C-alpha cells in the first residue's frame, strides 16, 4: 500500500512506482502516460468554492459548478454515496475528453479483448490521456487483425484512491445529465470488482438511474421528468437495437463459413443495423442524438463498447426492487455479490432477472 505520508503528487508517484515494480517493459510506457495525465489534471485543479466566489469566472460555469455541489451533497445525503472530496474541485483540460478508450475484438467475435493492471484488474478497454497515443495503440491492434473502436470519455473514476474533480469535459452537461454522471462515477467508489467491467458499469448505471429519479422528484420540473423518461426510452431502444445485432453476429460467428463469406455476412448484418436505426430515428421524431455513433465504421468493437455498460443493468434493477429501493441495503447486497467468484456472481444476477420475469408474468393482466 502506498505510504500515507506522501503528499498528493508524491502519493501518485508512490503508487505508480509500486505498479511499475510489478509491470513488464510493455506496460511501463502505458503507466508513464497515466502518470503524466493524472498529474496534469491535478496541476489544473481549483476549489469549486473559489471559482463560484470569483466574479471574473464565467457566469455559466459558476452556475454549473453550484449545481455540481448541490448534486454532490444529494449523492451522499439522499443516495448514500461516499462523502469525500470528490467533485469539489474543477479542472479545465482544454480538450473535449479526459481520456480516449480503445476497444478491440477479434474479427469474428464480439467478445472484447481484456487488458490487466495491478490496481484495476482486467478491463475490456485501454485508456489514454492523449488521442494520438490511443490512435497509435489502436493502429497496432488493427494491424493484428482486430476490430477497433476508439471512443472519447468525458469522465472516469480513480475508485476512491484520489479525489476525482469536475472537468470541463462534462461541466457543460444539462443539469439532469450532470447529476447522473456524478452519481454514476461515485458508484464506482462503493463497489468495484477486479476483472469484471460488465458488473461494475452495469451496477453504476442502475444507481445513476435510481439517483436521477430521486433527484428529479426533489429538484426537477415536470419537463425535466418528461425529458428524462424520453431519453431513457431512446437509450433503451438504442441498446436493444445494438444488443439484437450483437446476438445476430454471435450466431453468425458460430457458423463454419469461409473467412470471405463470413466477412460478407458480417457487413450485411452491420448494414442492416444502420437501416434499422434510420427507422428508429423516424420513430423518435428524427432525434439525431445517436447519429455520431452510427457515423463511425460499424464493427464488433463498437458494439462491444455498448454492451459493457448495459448488459447486467436489468439484474441490478431487479435486485434494487427486491430491496424496496433501499439503497444502503442494496449496496450491502451488491458488496456481498462482489465477494463471490465470477460464476457464482453471474448465476446470482441471472436469478434476479429470472425472478423479475416470473413476477411480471404472475402479475400480468
Protein backbone atom coordinates (compact mmCIF):
# COMPACT_ATOMS: atom_id res chain seq x y z
CA UNK A 1 0.00 0.00 0.00
CA UNK A 2 1.36 3.49 -0.82
CA UNK A 3 2.95 5.46 2.03
CA UNK A 4 0.22 7.61 3.64
CA UNK A 5 2.75 10.32 4.41
CA UNK A 6 3.14 11.08 0.68
CA UNK A 7 1.63 14.37 -0.43
CA UNK A 8 -0.97 14.15 -3.17
CA UNK A 9 1.52 14.44 -6.03
CA UNK A 10 4.02 12.31 -4.17
CA UNK A 11 1.39 9.72 -3.42
CA UNK A 12 0.68 9.33 -7.13
CA UNK A 13 4.36 8.71 -7.79
CA UNK A 14 4.48 6.20 -4.92
CA UNK A 15 1.50 4.29 -6.27
CA UNK A 16 2.71 4.19 -9.83
CA UNK A 17 6.22 3.20 -8.81
CA UNK A 18 4.54 0.38 -6.90
CA UNK A 19 2.68 -0.57 -10.09
CA UNK A 20 5.76 -0.36 -12.26
CA UNK A 21 7.59 -2.75 -9.96
CA UNK A 22 5.04 -5.41 -11.00
CA UNK A 23 4.87 -4.49 -14.69
CA UNK A 24 6.73 -5.76 -17.71
CA UNK A 25 8.52 -3.43 -20.09
CA UNK A 26 5.50 -3.31 -22.39
CA UNK A 27 3.44 -1.73 -19.61
CA UNK A 28 5.96 0.90 -18.49
CA UNK A 29 5.11 3.33 -21.30
CA UNK A 30 1.40 2.91 -20.62
CA UNK A 31 1.76 3.66 -16.91
CA UNK A 32 4.05 6.61 -17.69
CA UNK A 33 1.35 8.29 -19.80
CA UNK A 34 -1.12 7.62 -16.97
CA UNK A 35 1.16 9.39 -14.50
CA UNK A 36 1.59 12.38 -16.80
CA UNK A 37 -2.14 12.60 -17.46
CA UNK A 38 -3.14 12.43 -13.81
CA UNK A 39 -0.51 14.95 -12.73
CA UNK A 40 -1.68 17.35 -15.45
CA UNK A 41 -5.24 17.17 -14.13
CA UNK A 42 -4.11 17.91 -10.59
CA UNK A 43 -1.95 20.81 -11.74
CA UNK A 44 -5.06 22.44 -13.26
CA UNK A 45 -7.44 21.91 -10.32
CA UNK A 46 -9.02 24.77 -8.39
CA UNK A 47 -11.50 24.59 -5.48
CA UNK A 48 -15.04 24.95 -6.81
CA UNK A 49 -15.92 27.29 -3.96
CA UNK A 50 -13.17 29.68 -5.10
CA UNK A 51 -14.44 29.69 -8.70
CA UNK A 52 -18.04 30.30 -7.63
CA UNK A 53 -16.89 33.17 -5.41
CA UNK A 54 -14.82 34.79 -8.17
CA UNK A 55 -16.90 37.28 -10.17
CA UNK A 56 -14.37 37.07 -13.02
CA UNK A 57 -15.29 33.42 -13.61
CA UNK A 58 -17.84 32.91 -16.42
CA UNK A 59 -21.38 33.12 -15.07
CA UNK A 60 -22.48 29.89 -16.75
CA UNK A 61 -19.53 27.98 -15.26
CA UNK A 62 -20.32 29.31 -11.79
CA UNK A 63 -23.94 28.26 -12.25
CA UNK A 64 -22.96 24.75 -13.34
CA UNK A 65 -20.48 24.30 -10.51
CA UNK A 66 -23.05 25.43 -7.95
CA UNK A 67 -25.32 22.73 -9.34
CA UNK A 68 -22.50 20.19 -9.01
CA UNK A 69 -22.13 20.97 -5.30
CA UNK A 70 -25.87 20.58 -4.88
CA UNK A 71 -25.85 17.22 -6.68
CA UNK A 72 -22.73 16.21 -4.73
CA UNK A 73 -24.49 16.83 -1.40
CA UNK A 74 -27.59 15.00 -2.66
CA UNK A 75 -25.47 11.99 -3.65
CA UNK A 76 -24.28 11.50 -0.07
CA UNK A 77 -27.33 12.74 1.86
CA UNK A 78 -30.04 11.01 -0.19
CA UNK A 79 -28.32 8.16 -2.04
CA UNK A 80 -25.74 7.03 0.50
CA UNK A 81 -22.85 7.53 -1.91
CA UNK A 82 -19.38 8.30 -0.49
CA UNK A 83 -18.96 11.58 1.37
CA UNK A 84 -15.45 12.69 0.46
CA UNK A 85 -13.55 15.30 -1.53
CA UNK A 86 -14.50 14.02 -4.98
CA UNK A 87 -16.21 16.63 -7.21
CA UNK A 88 -15.29 19.57 -5.01
CA UNK A 89 -12.55 20.86 -7.33
CA UNK A 90 -12.59 21.86 -11.01
CA UNK A 91 -10.04 21.49 -13.82
CA UNK A 92 -10.14 22.82 -17.38
CA UNK A 93 -8.19 20.36 -19.55
CA UNK A 94 -8.64 22.42 -22.72
CA UNK A 95 -9.74 19.34 -24.68
CA UNK A 96 -13.10 17.66 -25.31
CA UNK A 97 -12.38 14.38 -23.45
CA UNK A 98 -10.32 13.41 -20.45
CA UNK A 99 -9.31 10.03 -21.91
CA UNK A 100 -9.82 8.00 -25.06
CA UNK A 101 -10.66 4.32 -24.58
CA UNK A 102 -9.53 1.71 -27.08
CA UNK A 103 -11.80 -1.32 -27.51
CA UNK A 104 -10.65 -4.33 -29.53
CA UNK A 105 -12.29 -7.60 -30.57
CA UNK A 106 -11.24 -10.42 -32.87
CA UNK A 107 -12.55 -10.06 -36.42
CA UNK A 108 -15.14 -12.78 -35.90
CA UNK A 109 -16.10 -12.31 -32.25
CA UNK A 110 -17.99 -9.71 -30.22
CA UNK A 111 -16.05 -10.57 -27.03
CA UNK A 112 -13.70 -7.68 -26.25
CA UNK A 113 -10.01 -8.19 -25.59
CA UNK A 114 -9.05 -7.62 -21.95
CA UNK A 115 -6.02 -5.80 -20.57
CA UNK A 116 -4.89 -6.37 -16.99
CA UNK A 117 -3.44 -3.88 -14.50
CA UNK A 118 -2.34 -4.15 -10.89
CA UNK A 119 -4.92 -1.78 -9.37
CA UNK A 120 -7.91 -2.04 -11.71
CA UNK A 121 -7.60 -5.71 -12.60
CA UNK A 122 -8.60 -6.82 -16.10
CA UNK A 123 -10.82 -4.43 -18.08
CA UNK A 124 -12.32 -4.52 -21.56
CA UNK A 125 -10.68 -1.31 -22.78
CA UNK A 126 -7.41 0.59 -22.54
CA UNK A 127 -7.49 4.30 -21.73
CA UNK A 128 -5.13 7.03 -22.93
CA UNK A 129 -4.93 10.69 -21.91
CA UNK A 130 -3.88 11.74 -25.43
CA UNK A 131 -5.85 10.77 -28.52
CA UNK A 132 -2.65 10.38 -30.52
CA UNK A 133 -1.49 7.69 -28.07
CA UNK A 134 -4.87 5.94 -28.28
CA UNK A 135 -4.80 6.03 -32.07
CA UNK A 136 -1.25 4.67 -32.16
CA UNK A 137 -2.16 1.73 -29.93
CA UNK A 138 -5.37 1.15 -31.93
CA UNK A 139 -3.34 1.01 -35.15
CA UNK A 140 -1.11 -1.69 -33.65
CA UNK A 141 -4.16 -3.72 -32.59
CA UNK A 142 -5.80 -3.26 -36.00
CA UNK A 143 -2.62 -4.46 -37.73
CA UNK A 144 -3.01 -7.77 -35.92
CA UNK A 145 -6.46 -8.20 -37.46
CA UNK A 146 -8.67 -6.94 -34.64
CA UNK A 147 -11.77 -4.81 -34.98
CA UNK A 148 -11.06 -1.50 -33.22
CA UNK A 149 -13.09 1.32 -31.70
CA UNK A 150 -11.59 4.45 -30.13
CA UNK A 151 -14.08 6.42 -28.05
CA UNK A 152 -13.68 9.68 -26.13
CA UNK A 153 -14.67 9.61 -22.45
CA UNK A 154 -15.82 12.66 -20.51
CA UNK A 155 -15.15 11.29 -17.01
CA UNK A 156 -13.59 8.37 -15.19
CA UNK A 157 -13.21 7.23 -11.60
CA UNK A 158 -9.99 6.64 -9.68
CA UNK A 159 -12.06 4.25 -7.49
CA UNK A 160 -11.54 6.27 -4.32
CA UNK A 161 -7.74 6.29 -4.48
CA UNK A 162 -7.87 10.02 -5.19
CA UNK A 163 -10.47 12.78 -5.11
CA UNK A 164 -11.95 12.99 -8.60
CA UNK A 165 -12.50 16.53 -9.91
CA UNK A 166 -15.20 18.10 -12.06
CA UNK A 167 -13.81 18.59 -15.57
CA UNK A 168 -14.62 20.93 -18.44
CA UNK A 169 -15.31 17.78 -20.47
CA UNK A 170 -18.66 17.34 -18.72
CA UNK A 171 -19.31 20.55 -16.75
CA UNK A 172 -21.39 21.88 -19.67
CA UNK A 173 -23.89 18.99 -19.50
CA UNK A 174 -27.60 19.77 -18.87
CA UNK A 175 -28.47 19.71 -15.13
CA UNK A 176 -30.00 16.22 -15.04
CA UNK A 177 -27.16 14.72 -17.10
CA UNK A 178 -24.60 16.37 -14.86
CA UNK A 179 -26.20 14.88 -11.76
CA UNK A 180 -26.46 11.50 -13.50
CA UNK A 181 -22.73 11.43 -14.27
CA UNK A 182 -21.76 12.30 -10.70
CA UNK A 183 -24.00 9.55 -9.31
CA UNK A 184 -22.51 7.07 -11.78
CA UNK A 185 -18.87 7.84 -11.04
CA UNK A 186 -19.34 7.89 -7.26
CA UNK A 187 -20.95 4.45 -7.51
CA UNK A 188 -17.58 3.02 -8.56
CA UNK A 189 -16.26 4.06 -5.15
CA UNK A 190 -18.94 1.93 -3.44
CA UNK A 191 -18.29 -1.36 -5.24
CA UNK A 192 -15.62 -2.28 -7.76
CA UNK A 193 -14.80 -5.85 -8.77
CA UNK A 194 -11.49 -6.52 -10.44
CA UNK A 195 -11.72 -8.27 -13.81
CA UNK A 196 -15.47 -7.64 -14.28
CA UNK A 197 -16.16 -4.45 -16.26
CA UNK A 198 -19.74 -5.52 -17.07
CA UNK A 199 -20.58 -5.93 -13.37
CA UNK A 200 -19.02 -2.59 -12.42
CA UNK A 201 -20.55 -0.49 -15.18
CA UNK A 202 -23.99 -2.11 -15.01
CA UNK A 203 -24.13 -1.50 -11.25
CA UNK A 204 -23.19 2.15 -11.72
CA UNK A 205 -25.86 2.60 -14.43
CA UNK A 206 -28.51 1.11 -12.14
CA UNK A 207 -27.50 3.51 -9.34
CA UNK A 208 -27.42 6.53 -11.64
CA UNK A 209 -30.95 5.79 -12.88
CA UNK A 210 -32.33 5.46 -9.39
CA UNK A 211 -30.45 8.57 -8.32
CA UNK A 212 -31.76 10.68 -11.19
CA UNK A 213 -35.37 9.66 -10.49
CA UNK A 214 -34.97 10.85 -6.90
CA UNK A 215 -33.10 13.99 -7.96
CA UNK A 216 -35.89 15.00 -10.33
CA UNK A 217 -38.53 14.27 -7.70
CA UNK A 218 -36.86 16.75 -5.33
CA UNK A 219 -35.21 19.30 -7.60
CA UNK A 220 -36.62 18.84 -11.10
CA UNK A 221 -39.64 20.04 -13.02
CA UNK A 222 -42.32 18.12 -14.88
CA UNK A 223 -40.39 18.99 -18.05
CA UNK A 224 -37.20 17.50 -16.56
CA UNK A 225 -39.11 14.32 -15.75
CA UNK A 226 -40.59 14.11 -19.22
CA UNK A 227 -37.22 14.72 -20.88
CA UNK A 228 -35.52 12.12 -18.69
CA UNK A 229 -38.18 9.50 -19.41
CA UNK A 230 -37.95 10.23 -23.12
CA UNK A 231 -34.16 9.91 -23.08
CA UNK A 232 -34.41 6.67 -21.10
CA UNK A 233 -36.79 5.28 -23.71
CA UNK A 234 -34.44 6.26 -26.54
CA UNK A 235 -31.44 4.80 -24.73
CA UNK A 236 -33.34 1.57 -24.16
CA UNK A 237 -34.31 1.41 -27.84
CA UNK A 238 -30.71 2.07 -28.89
CA UNK A 239 -29.31 -0.58 -26.54
CA UNK A 240 -31.95 -3.07 -27.67
CA UNK A 241 -31.01 -2.49 -31.32
CA UNK A 242 -27.28 -2.91 -30.67
CA UNK A 243 -27.83 -5.94 -28.42
CA UNK A 244 -30.03 -7.60 -31.04
CA UNK A 245 -27.41 -7.22 -33.77
CA UNK A 246 -24.62 -8.28 -31.44
CA UNK A 247 -26.56 -11.51 -30.81
CA UNK A 248 -27.05 -11.98 -34.57
CA UNK A 249 -23.32 -11.58 -35.11
CA UNK A 250 -22.60 -14.08 -32.34
CA UNK A 251 -24.83 -16.58 -34.13
CA UNK A 252 -23.06 -15.88 -37.42
CA UNK A 253 -19.61 -16.37 -35.92
CA UNK A 254 -20.56 -19.81 -34.63
CA UNK A 255 -21.18 -20.98 -38.20
CA UNK A 256 -18.44 -22.72 -40.15
CA UNK A 257 -18.15 -20.29 -43.03
CA UNK A 258 -15.06 -19.47 -45.05
CA UNK A 259 -13.50 -16.14 -43.96
CA UNK A 260 -14.59 -14.25 -47.10
CA UNK A 261 -18.16 -15.49 -46.78
CA UNK A 262 -18.13 -14.63 -43.07
CA UNK A 263 -16.96 -11.09 -43.82
CA UNK A 264 -19.72 -10.64 -46.37
CA UNK A 265 -22.42 -11.76 -43.92
CA UNK A 266 -20.89 -9.60 -41.19
CA UNK A 267 -21.10 -6.49 -43.35
CA UNK A 268 -24.66 -7.37 -44.37
CA UNK A 269 -25.72 -7.52 -40.73
CA UNK A 270 -23.97 -4.28 -39.82
CA UNK A 271 -25.61 -2.54 -42.78
CA UNK A 272 -28.95 -3.89 -41.59
CA UNK A 273 -28.35 -2.38 -38.15
CA UNK A 274 -27.80 1.03 -39.72
CA UNK A 275 -31.02 0.71 -41.75
CA UNK A 276 -32.98 -0.27 -38.63
CA UNK A 277 -31.53 2.75 -36.84
CA UNK A 278 -32.88 5.06 -39.53
CA UNK A 279 -36.36 3.61 -38.97
CA UNK A 280 -35.93 4.03 -35.22
CA UNK A 281 -34.79 7.62 -35.72
CA UNK A 282 -38.04 8.40 -37.56
CA UNK A 283 -39.99 6.78 -34.72
CA UNK A 284 -38.18 9.16 -32.34
CA UNK A 285 -39.31 12.20 -34.33
CA UNK A 286 -35.95 12.47 -36.16
CA UNK A 287 -33.98 12.75 -32.92
CA UNK A 288 -30.33 12.76 -34.03
CA UNK A 289 -28.59 12.03 -30.73
CA UNK A 290 -27.09 8.74 -31.91
CA UNK A 291 -26.12 9.86 -35.41
CA UNK A 292 -22.48 10.33 -34.41
CA UNK A 293 -22.31 6.79 -33.03
CA UNK A 294 -23.72 5.31 -36.24
CA UNK A 295 -21.46 7.51 -38.37
CA UNK A 296 -18.45 5.53 -37.12
CA UNK A 297 -17.30 2.44 -39.03
CA UNK A 298 -19.53 -0.29 -37.52
CA UNK A 299 -17.67 -3.33 -36.21
CA UNK A 300 -17.58 -5.81 -33.34
CA UNK A 301 -15.60 -3.47 -31.07
CA UNK A 302 -18.12 -0.65 -31.46
CA UNK A 303 -20.97 -2.96 -30.46
CA UNK A 304 -18.98 -4.37 -27.55
CA UNK A 305 -18.40 -0.86 -26.16
CA UNK A 306 -22.17 -0.56 -25.59
CA UNK A 307 -22.65 -4.00 -24.04
CA UNK A 308 -20.08 -3.29 -21.32
CA UNK A 309 -22.26 -0.55 -19.86
CA UNK A 310 -25.66 -2.19 -20.12
CA UNK A 311 -25.56 -5.98 -20.08
CA UNK A 312 -26.35 -6.52 -16.37
CA UNK A 313 -28.46 -3.41 -15.69
CA UNK A 314 -31.80 -5.35 -15.63
CA UNK A 315 -30.39 -7.70 -12.99
CA UNK A 316 -29.24 -4.87 -10.73
CA UNK A 317 -32.55 -3.04 -11.14
CA UNK A 318 -34.43 -6.22 -10.21
CA UNK A 319 -32.14 -6.55 -7.20
CA UNK A 320 -32.88 -2.95 -6.19
CA UNK A 321 -36.63 -3.59 -6.42
CA UNK A 322 -36.26 -6.70 -4.27
CA UNK A 323 -34.68 -4.46 -1.61
CA UNK A 324 -37.60 -1.99 -1.90
CA UNK A 325 -35.31 0.66 -3.42
CA UNK A 326 -33.46 0.92 -0.11
CA UNK A 327 -30.05 1.93 -1.45
CA UNK A 328 -27.93 1.19 1.67
CA UNK A 329 -29.38 -2.35 1.81
CA UNK A 330 -28.90 -2.69 -1.94
CA UNK A 331 -25.25 -1.60 -1.65
CA UNK A 332 -24.60 -4.20 1.06
CA UNK A 333 -26.19 -6.91 -1.08
CA UNK A 334 -24.06 -5.90 -4.08
CA UNK A 335 -20.93 -5.94 -1.92
CA UNK A 336 -21.82 -9.48 -0.87
CA UNK A 337 -22.17 -10.44 -4.55
CA UNK A 338 -18.81 -8.84 -5.27
CA UNK A 339 -17.15 -11.21 -2.82
CA UNK A 340 -18.31 -14.26 -4.81
CA UNK A 341 -16.34 -15.79 -7.65
CA UNK A 342 -17.33 -14.86 -11.19
CA UNK A 343 -19.51 -17.91 -11.87
CA UNK A 344 -21.46 -17.59 -8.62
CA UNK A 345 -21.86 -13.83 -9.15
CA UNK A 346 -23.25 -14.29 -12.65
CA UNK A 347 -25.59 -17.05 -11.52
CA UNK A 348 -26.96 -14.83 -8.74
CA UNK A 349 -27.60 -11.98 -11.19
CA UNK A 350 -29.32 -14.40 -13.57
CA UNK A 351 -31.65 -15.45 -10.75
CA UNK A 352 -32.64 -11.84 -10.09
CA UNK A 353 -33.63 -11.39 -13.74
CA UNK A 354 -35.50 -14.71 -13.80
CA UNK A 355 -37.32 -13.76 -10.60
CA UNK A 356 -38.30 -10.38 -12.03
CA UNK A 357 -39.62 -12.02 -15.21
CA UNK A 358 -41.65 -14.50 -13.16
CA UNK A 359 -43.05 -11.68 -11.06
CA UNK A 360 -44.15 -9.78 -14.14
CA UNK A 361 -45.78 -12.92 -15.54
CA UNK A 362 -47.63 -13.57 -12.28
CA UNK A 363 -48.96 -10.03 -12.21
CA UNK A 364 -49.84 -9.84 -15.89
CA UNK A 365 -53.49 -8.93 -16.57
